[in-house]
C-alpha atoms as a PDB file:
ATOM      1  CA  UNK A   1     -21.762   3.089  -5.394  1.00  0.00           C
ATOM      2  CA  UNK A   2     -20.089   3.554  -2.035  1.00  0.00           C
ATOM      3  CA  UNK A   3     -22.088   3.780   1.371  1.00  0.00           C
ATOM      4  CA  UNK A   4     -20.875   6.004   4.207  1.00  0.00           C
ATOM      5  CA  UNK A   5     -21.950   6.625   7.704  1.00  0.00           C
ATOM      6  CA  UNK A   6     -21.551  10.343   7.970  1.00  0.00           C
ATOM      7  CA  UNK A   7     -20.645  11.327  11.518  1.00  0.00           C
ATOM      8  CA  UNK A   8     -20.784  14.881  12.895  1.00  0.00           C
ATOM      9  CA  UNK A   9     -19.990  15.743  16.361  1.00  0.00           C
ATOM     10  CA  UNK A  10     -23.640  15.503  17.434  1.00  0.00           C
ATOM     11  CA  UNK A  11     -25.576  13.271  14.792  1.00  0.00           C
ATOM     12  CA  UNK A  12     -25.084  10.684  12.121  1.00  0.00           C
ATOM     13  CA  UNK A  13     -26.712   9.489   8.743  1.00  0.00           C
ATOM     14  CA  UNK A  14     -25.891   7.291   5.888  1.00  0.00           C
ATOM     15  CA  UNK A  15     -25.566   8.078   2.280  1.00  0.00           C
ATOM     16  CA  UNK A  16     -24.857   6.437  -0.847  1.00  0.00           C
ATOM     17  CA  UNK A  17     -22.242   7.941  -3.241  1.00  0.00           C
ATOM     18  CA  UNK A  18     -21.294   7.735  -6.636  1.00  0.00           C
ATOM     19  CA  UNK A  19     -17.680   8.876  -7.249  1.00  0.00           C
ATOM     20  CA  UNK A  20     -16.998  10.159 -10.764  1.00  0.00           C
ATOM     21  CA  UNK A  21     -13.398  11.399 -10.218  1.00  0.00           C
ATOM     22  CA  UNK A  22     -10.751   9.300  -8.286  1.00  0.00           C
ATOM     23  CA  UNK A  23      -7.347  11.258  -7.493  1.00  0.00           C
ATOM     24  CA  UNK A  24      -4.226   9.604  -5.729  1.00  0.00           C
ATOM     25  CA  UNK A  25      -1.806  12.334  -4.564  1.00  0.00           C
ATOM     26  CA  UNK A  26       1.599  10.894  -4.644  1.00  0.00           C
ATOM     27  CA  UNK A  27       4.873  12.169  -3.141  1.00  0.00           C
ATOM     28  CA  UNK A  28       2.575  14.556  -0.849  1.00  0.00           C
ATOM     29  CA  UNK A  29       4.895  15.053   2.298  1.00  0.00           C
ATOM     30  CA  UNK A  30       5.565  18.332   3.457  1.00  0.00           C
ATOM     31  CA  UNK A  31       9.110  17.667   4.503  1.00  0.00           C
ATOM     32  CA  UNK A  32      11.734  17.247   1.702  1.00  0.00           C
ATOM     33  CA  UNK A  33      13.643  14.850   3.738  1.00  0.00           C
ATOM     34  CA  UNK A  34      10.638  12.721   4.478  1.00  0.00           C
ATOM     35  CA  UNK A  35       9.745  12.681   0.719  1.00  0.00           C
ATOM     36  CA  UNK A  36      13.227  11.622  -0.194  1.00  0.00           C
ATOM     37  CA  UNK A  37      13.090   8.920   2.404  1.00  0.00           C
ATOM     38  CA  UNK A  38       9.977   7.488   0.703  1.00  0.00           C
ATOM     39  CA  UNK A  39      11.419   7.957  -2.758  1.00  0.00           C
ATOM     40  CA  UNK A  40      14.517   5.902  -1.526  1.00  0.00           C
ATOM     41  CA  UNK A  41      12.267   3.367   0.074  1.00  0.00           C
ATOM     42  CA  UNK A  42      10.589   2.831  -3.128  1.00  0.00           C
ATOM     43  CA  UNK A  43      13.892   2.917  -5.114  1.00  0.00           C
ATOM     44  CA  UNK A  44      15.093  -0.053  -3.117  1.00  0.00           C
ATOM     45  CA  UNK A  45      12.468  -2.090  -4.766  1.00  0.00           C
ATOM     46  CA  UNK A  46      13.205  -0.677  -8.179  1.00  0.00           C
ATOM     47  CA  UNK A  47      10.644   2.114  -8.412  1.00  0.00           C
ATOM     48  CA  UNK A  48      11.871   5.208 -10.425  1.00  0.00           C
ATOM     49  CA  UNK A  49      12.103   8.543  -8.962  1.00  0.00           C
ATOM     50  CA  UNK A  50       9.122  10.915  -9.799  1.00  0.00           C
ATOM     51  CA  UNK A  51       9.282  13.677 -12.300  1.00  0.00           C
ATOM     52  CA  UNK A  52       8.083  16.049  -9.741  1.00  0.00           C
ATOM     53  CA  UNK A  53       6.313  16.322  -6.371  1.00  0.00           C
ATOM     54  CA  UNK A  54       3.456  16.237  -5.650  1.00  0.00           C
ATOM     55  CA  UNK A  55       2.090  14.257  -8.590  1.00  0.00           C
ATOM     56  CA  UNK A  56      -1.758  13.614  -9.032  1.00  0.00           C
ATOM     57  CA  UNK A  57      -2.614  10.223 -10.401  1.00  0.00           C
ATOM     58  CA  UNK A  58      -6.097   9.722 -12.024  1.00  0.00           C
ATOM     59  CA  UNK A  59      -7.424   6.288 -11.209  1.00  0.00           C
ATOM     60  CA  UNK A  60     -10.531   4.489 -12.800  1.00  0.00           C
ATOM     61  CA  UNK A  61     -13.368   4.890 -10.338  1.00  0.00           C
ATOM     62  CA  UNK A  62     -14.234   1.203 -10.817  1.00  0.00           C
ATOM     63  CA  UNK A  63     -11.129   0.523  -8.630  1.00  0.00           C
ATOM     64  CA  UNK A  64     -12.695   2.060  -5.491  1.00  0.00           C
ATOM     65  CA  UNK A  65     -13.924  -0.355  -2.921  1.00  0.00           C
ATOM     66  CA  UNK A  66     -14.941  -0.995   0.580  1.00  0.00           C
ATOM     67  CA  UNK A  67     -14.200  -4.542   0.581  1.00  0.00           C
ATOM     68  CA  UNK A  68     -12.821  -6.509   3.508  1.00  0.00           C
ATOM     69  CA  UNK A  69     -11.366  -9.173   1.169  1.00  0.00           C
ATOM     70  CA  UNK A  70      -9.209  -7.935  -1.533  1.00  0.00           C
ATOM     71  CA  UNK A  71      -7.978 -10.323  -4.370  1.00  0.00           C
ATOM     72  CA  UNK A  72      -4.697  -9.242  -6.009  1.00  0.00           C
ATOM     73  CA  UNK A  73      -2.597 -10.885  -8.721  1.00  0.00           C
ATOM     74  CA  UNK A  74       0.674 -12.336  -7.163  1.00  0.00           C
ATOM     75  CA  UNK A  75       2.429 -11.853  -4.057  1.00  0.00           C
ATOM     76  CA  UNK A  76       4.035  -8.389  -4.612  1.00  0.00           C
ATOM     77  CA  UNK A  77       1.435  -5.889  -3.630  1.00  0.00           C
ATOM     78  CA  UNK A  78       0.886  -4.022  -0.367  1.00  0.00           C
ATOM     79  CA  UNK A  79      -1.399  -1.387   1.134  1.00  0.00           C
ATOM     80  CA  UNK A  80      -0.539   2.123   2.693  1.00  0.00           C
ATOM     81  CA  UNK A  81      -2.789   4.015   4.793  1.00  0.00           C
ATOM     82  CA  UNK A  82      -3.880   7.650   3.742  1.00  0.00           C
ATOM     83  CA  UNK A  83      -6.317  10.323   4.690  1.00  0.00           C
ATOM     84  CA  UNK A  84      -8.865  10.736   2.048  1.00  0.00           C
ATOM     85  CA  UNK A  85     -11.040  13.656   1.142  1.00  0.00           C
ATOM     86  CA  UNK A  86     -14.560  13.045  -0.333  1.00  0.00           C
ATOM     87  CA  UNK A  87     -16.435  15.886  -2.009  1.00  0.00           C
ATOM     88  CA  UNK A  88     -20.136  15.809  -1.798  1.00  0.00           C
ATOM     89  CA  UNK A  89     -22.944  18.289  -2.777  1.00  0.00           C
ATOM     90  CA  UNK A  90     -22.950  19.714   0.894  1.00  0.00           C
ATOM     91  CA  UNK A  91     -19.207  20.051   1.215  1.00  0.00           C
ATOM     92  CA  UNK A  92     -16.082  18.059   2.135  1.00  0.00           C
ATOM     93  CA  UNK A  93     -15.788  14.972   4.127  1.00  0.00           C
ATOM     94  CA  UNK A  94     -12.973  12.886   5.475  1.00  0.00           C
ATOM     95  CA  UNK A  95     -12.414   9.222   5.613  1.00  0.00           C
ATOM     96  CA  UNK A  96      -9.245   6.896   5.327  1.00  0.00           C
ATOM     97  CA  UNK A  97      -8.088   4.531   2.523  1.00  0.00           C
ATOM     98  CA  UNK A  98      -5.400   2.148   1.507  1.00  0.00           C
ATOM     99  CA  UNK A  99      -3.699   2.916  -1.821  1.00  0.00           C
ATOM    100  CA  UNK A 100      -3.069  -0.782  -2.435  1.00  0.00           C
ATOM    101  CA  UNK A 101      -0.179  -1.111  -5.105  1.00  0.00           C
ATOM    102  CA  UNK A 102       1.309  -3.772  -7.180  1.00  0.00           C
ATOM    103  CA  UNK A 103       5.083  -3.187  -6.025  1.00  0.00           C
ATOM    104  CA  UNK A 104       6.613  -5.193  -8.837  1.00  0.00           C
ATOM    105  CA  UNK A 105       4.528  -3.432 -11.480  1.00  0.00           C
ATOM    106  CA  UNK A 106       5.501  -0.130  -9.799  1.00  0.00           C
ATOM    107  CA  UNK A 107       9.180  -0.715 -10.961  1.00  0.00           C
ATOM    108  CA  UNK A 108       7.851  -0.429 -14.656  1.00  0.00           C
ATOM    109  CA  UNK A 109       5.550   2.581 -14.053  1.00  0.00           C
ATOM    110  CA  UNK A 110       3.855   3.920 -10.950  1.00  0.00           C
ATOM    111  CA  UNK A 111       0.769   5.186 -12.745  1.00  0.00           C
ATOM    112  CA  UNK A 112       0.246   1.678 -14.298  1.00  0.00           C
ATOM    113  CA  UNK A 113       0.869  -0.045 -10.887  1.00  0.00           C
ATOM    114  CA  UNK A 114      -1.874   2.235  -9.205  1.00  0.00           C
ATOM    115  CA  UNK A 115      -4.442   0.989 -11.777  1.00  0.00           C
ATOM    116  CA  UNK A 116      -3.710  -2.750 -11.025  1.00  0.00           C
ATOM    117  CA  UNK A 117      -5.195  -2.829  -7.501  1.00  0.00           C
ATOM    118  CA  UNK A 118      -8.381  -1.754  -5.927  1.00  0.00           C
ATOM    119  CA  UNK A 119      -8.194   1.207  -3.621  1.00  0.00           C
ATOM    120  CA  UNK A 120      -9.832   0.483  -0.404  1.00  0.00           C
ATOM    121  CA  UNK A 121     -11.669   3.183   1.619  1.00  0.00           C
ATOM    122  CA  UNK A 122     -13.558   3.158   4.855  1.00  0.00           C
ATOM    123  CA  UNK A 123     -17.105   3.262   5.557  1.00  0.00           C
ATOM    124  CA  UNK A 124     -17.233   6.292   7.825  1.00  0.00           C
ATOM    125  CA  UNK A 125     -17.073  10.018   6.978  1.00  0.00           C
ATOM    126  CA  UNK A 126     -16.167  12.987   9.308  1.00  0.00           C
ATOM    127  CA  UNK A 127     -17.164  16.538   8.246  1.00  0.00           C
ATOM    128  CA  UNK A 128     -14.028  18.273   7.142  1.00  0.00           C
ATOM    129  CA  UNK A 129     -14.954  21.600   8.618  1.00  0.00           C
ATOM    130  CA  UNK A 130     -14.909  19.793  12.115  1.00  0.00           C
ATOM    131  CA  UNK A 131     -11.318  18.551  11.757  1.00  0.00           C
ATOM    132  CA  UNK A 132      -9.665  21.213   9.674  1.00  0.00           C
ATOM    133  CA  UNK A 133      -8.771  23.456  12.643  1.00  0.00           C
ATOM    134  CA  UNK A 134      -6.784  20.764  14.246  1.00  0.00           C
ATOM    135  CA  UNK A 135      -6.040  18.611  11.043  1.00  0.00           C
ATOM    136  CA  UNK A 136      -2.271  18.382  11.768  1.00  0.00           C
ATOM    137  CA  UNK A 137      -3.037  16.485  15.062  1.00  0.00           C
ATOM    138  CA  UNK A 138      -4.804  13.497  13.320  1.00  0.00           C
ATOM    139  CA  UNK A 139      -2.977  10.270  13.484  1.00  0.00           C
ATOM    140  CA  UNK A 140      -2.620   7.520  10.847  1.00  0.00           C
ATOM    141  CA  UNK A 141      -1.877   4.025  11.903  1.00  0.00           C
ATOM    142  CA  UNK A 142      -1.645   0.673   9.983  1.00  0.00           C
ATOM    143  CA  UNK A 143      -0.982  -2.799  10.920  1.00  0.00           C
ATOM    144  CA  UNK A 144      -0.083  -5.687   8.367  1.00  0.00           C
ATOM    145  CA  UNK A 145      -0.187  -9.379   9.039  1.00  0.00           C
ATOM    146  CA  UNK A 146       3.263 -10.457   7.632  1.00  0.00           C
ATOM    147  CA  UNK A 147       4.288 -14.251   7.950  1.00  0.00           C
ATOM    148  CA  UNK A 148       1.456 -14.662  10.477  1.00  0.00           C
ATOM    149  CA  UNK A 149       2.421 -11.912  12.689  1.00  0.00           C
ATOM    150  CA  UNK A 150       0.411  -8.831  13.208  1.00  0.00           C
ATOM    151  CA  UNK A 151       2.909  -5.799  13.080  1.00  0.00           C
ATOM    152  CA  UNK A 152       2.621  -1.995  13.382  1.00  0.00           C
ATOM    153  CA  UNK A 153       3.255  -1.021   9.727  1.00  0.00           C
ATOM    154  CA  UNK A 154       2.753   2.759   9.537  1.00  0.00           C
ATOM    155  CA  UNK A 155       2.170   5.417  12.379  1.00  0.00           C
ATOM    156  CA  UNK A 156       2.253   9.295  12.498  1.00  0.00           C
ATOM    157  CA  UNK A 157       0.554  12.561  12.433  1.00  0.00           C
ATOM    158  CA  UNK A 158      -0.903  13.852   9.195  1.00  0.00           C
ATOM    159  CA  UNK A 159       1.092  16.819   9.827  1.00  0.00           C
ATOM    160  CA  UNK A 160       3.765  14.980   7.742  1.00  0.00           C
ATOM    161  CA  UNK A 161       1.562  15.247   4.721  1.00  0.00           C
ATOM    162  CA  UNK A 162       0.492  18.303   2.610  1.00  0.00           C
ATOM    163  CA  UNK A 163      -2.996  19.591   3.855  1.00  0.00           C
ATOM    164  CA  UNK A 164      -6.017  18.958   1.902  1.00  0.00           C
ATOM    165  CA  UNK A 165      -6.535  22.629   1.136  1.00  0.00           C
ATOM    166  CA  UNK A 166      -2.768  22.645  -0.269  1.00  0.00           C
ATOM    167  CA  UNK A 167      -3.419  19.471  -2.317  1.00  0.00           C
ATOM    168  CA  UNK A 168      -6.710  20.670  -3.630  1.00  0.00           C
ATOM    169  CA  UNK A 169      -5.253  24.029  -4.571  1.00  0.00           C
ATOM    170  CA  UNK A 170      -2.347  22.330  -6.591  1.00  0.00           C
ATOM    171  CA  UNK A 171      -4.644  19.859  -8.252  1.00  0.00           C
ATOM    172  CA  UNK A 172      -7.132  22.554  -9.382  1.00  0.00           C
ATOM    173  CA  UNK A 173      -4.161  24.807 -10.417  1.00  0.00           C
ATOM    174  CA  UNK A 174      -6.088  27.923  -9.643  1.00  0.00           C
ATOM    175  CA  UNK A 175      -3.690  30.368  -7.911  1.00  0.00           C
ATOM    176  CA  UNK A 176      -5.268  32.940  -5.851  1.00  0.00           C
ATOM    177  CA  UNK A 177      -8.616  31.212  -5.870  1.00  0.00           C
ATOM    178  CA  UNK A 178     -10.044  28.877  -2.934  1.00  0.00           C
ATOM    179  CA  UNK A 179      -9.057  25.269  -3.152  1.00  0.00           C
ATOM    180  CA  UNK A 180     -11.499  23.220  -4.850  1.00  0.00           C
ATOM    181  CA  UNK A 181     -12.608  19.776  -5.325  1.00  0.00           C
ATOM    182  CA  UNK A 182     -15.670  19.089  -7.409  1.00  0.00           C
ATOM    183  CA  UNK A 183     -18.573  17.126  -5.897  1.00  0.00           C
ATOM    184  CA  UNK A 184     -18.348  13.558  -6.844  1.00  0.00           C
ATOM    185  CA  UNK A 185     -14.532  13.516  -6.456  1.00  0.00           C
ATOM    186  CA  UNK A 186     -12.341  11.575  -3.998  1.00  0.00           C
ATOM    187  CA  UNK A 187      -8.807  12.242  -3.339  1.00  0.00           C
ATOM    188  CA  UNK A 188      -6.117  10.243  -1.631  1.00  0.00           C
ATOM    189  CA  UNK A 189      -3.979  12.461   0.412  1.00  0.00           C
ATOM    190  CA  UNK A 190      -0.503  10.865   0.689  1.00  0.00           C
ATOM    191  CA  UNK A 191       1.047   8.342   3.106  1.00  0.00           C
ATOM    192  CA  UNK A 192       3.707   7.850   5.626  1.00  0.00           C
ATOM    193  CA  UNK A 193       6.884   5.698   5.453  1.00  0.00           C
ATOM    194  CA  UNK A 194       6.584   2.112   6.214  1.00  0.00           C
ATOM    195  CA  UNK A 195       8.159   0.897   9.484  1.00  0.00           C
ATOM    196  CA  UNK A 196      10.799  -1.628   8.546  1.00  0.00           C
ATOM    197  CA  UNK A 197      10.216  -1.056   4.809  1.00  0.00           C
ATOM    198  CA  UNK A 198       7.593  -1.975   2.328  1.00  0.00           C
ATOM    199  CA  UNK A 199       6.550  -5.458   2.573  1.00  0.00           C
ATOM    200  CA  UNK A 200       3.704  -7.712   1.425  1.00  0.00           C
ATOM    201  CA  UNK A 201       1.229  -9.350   4.004  1.00  0.00           C
ATOM    202  CA  UNK A 202      -2.030 -11.267   4.172  1.00  0.00           C
ATOM    203  CA  UNK A 203      -4.011  -8.513   6.014  1.00  0.00           C
ATOM    204  CA  UNK A 204      -4.043  -4.830   6.225  1.00  0.00           C
ATOM    205  CA  UNK A 205      -5.538  -2.843   9.180  1.00  0.00           C
ATOM    206  CA  UNK A 206      -5.951   1.014   8.935  1.00  0.00           C
ATOM    207  CA  UNK A 207      -7.044   3.731  11.513  1.00  0.00           C
ATOM    208  CA  UNK A 208      -7.504   7.475  11.655  1.00  0.00           C
ATOM    209  CA  UNK A 209      -7.647   8.996  15.075  1.00  0.00           C
ATOM    210  CA  UNK A 210      -8.808  12.356  16.131  1.00  0.00           C
ATOM    211  CA  UNK A 211      -7.379  13.236  19.523  1.00  0.00           C
ATOM    212  CA  UNK A 212      -9.092  16.457  19.918  1.00  0.00           C
ATOM    213  CA  UNK A 213     -12.570  15.199  19.367  1.00  0.00           C
ATOM    214  CA  UNK A 214     -11.743  11.896  21.063  1.00  0.00           C
ATOM    215  CA  UNK A 215     -12.859   9.478  18.001  1.00  0.00           C
ATOM    216  CA  UNK A 216     -11.315   7.175  15.545  1.00  0.00           C
ATOM    217  CA  UNK A 217     -12.350   5.310  12.488  1.00  0.00           C
ATOM    218  CA  UNK A 218     -10.963   2.265  10.849  1.00  0.00           C
ATOM    219  CA  UNK A 219     -11.027  -0.354   8.185  1.00  0.00           C
ATOM    220  CA  UNK A 220      -9.447  -3.676   7.450  1.00  0.00           C
ATOM    221  CA  UNK A 221      -9.247  -6.095   4.784  1.00  0.00           C
ATOM    222  CA  UNK A 222      -7.655  -9.529   4.091  1.00  0.00           C
ATOM    223  CA  UNK A 223      -5.461  -9.961   1.043  1.00  0.00           C
ATOM    224  CA  UNK A 224      -5.790 -13.029  -1.392  1.00  0.00           C
ATOM    225  CA  UNK A 225      -2.903 -13.212  -3.741  1.00  0.00           C
ATOM    226  CA  UNK A 226      -4.101 -14.974  -6.917  1.00  0.00           C
ATOM    227  CA  UNK A 227      -1.611 -17.179  -8.812  1.00  0.00           C
ATOM    228  CA  UNK A 228       0.240 -15.660 -11.848  1.00  0.00           C
ATOM    229  CA  UNK A 229      -0.346 -18.014 -14.754  1.00  0.00           C
ATOM    230  CA  UNK A 230       1.859 -17.609 -17.784  1.00  0.00           C
END
């Protein structure tokens, strides 16, 4: 079960949510050049090119976490901030998350690598209907602590990514019908390129800012690399 504070523009409540379907949308950029940049960024560390874009990876729901301390195997993992859409019985909500991934395993298989690390999500939700009209102006940011220094790791508008409506339509594969995501589903919506390239760190901080409604949400977690024992 995940617990969220749901924040409307004028009120708030708290809900416990059981997620039954976890989807990570990969290669979800709108701009072909930006997608190619991310593909090349990953190719530089040995990750094979995708068969098509976007791709939708189904991940075990047991990998979802709201932890502030993430344990991973070995030193070759890193986070990446993403907008996240959560479908509840009363509609769609938005939070943020980190598609933390084992980069060494990614060179063998992206789908495999995504199963090896927990996917960390925040603890707040915004009503999707409240942000949909100005979705493209939302800003994603992430900071990573690398070699003891806190550095800006990612930053940009979600306009660089496919909209939730686009991704839901493609995932549900129902041309001509309204985009859908069944209640109990959670979808990661793609990421931005890492400033300075993909690197491992000991802490990952992420933020989603709504410039129109003047609010922001964030989440952070420390990363503990466990020893790899043969």
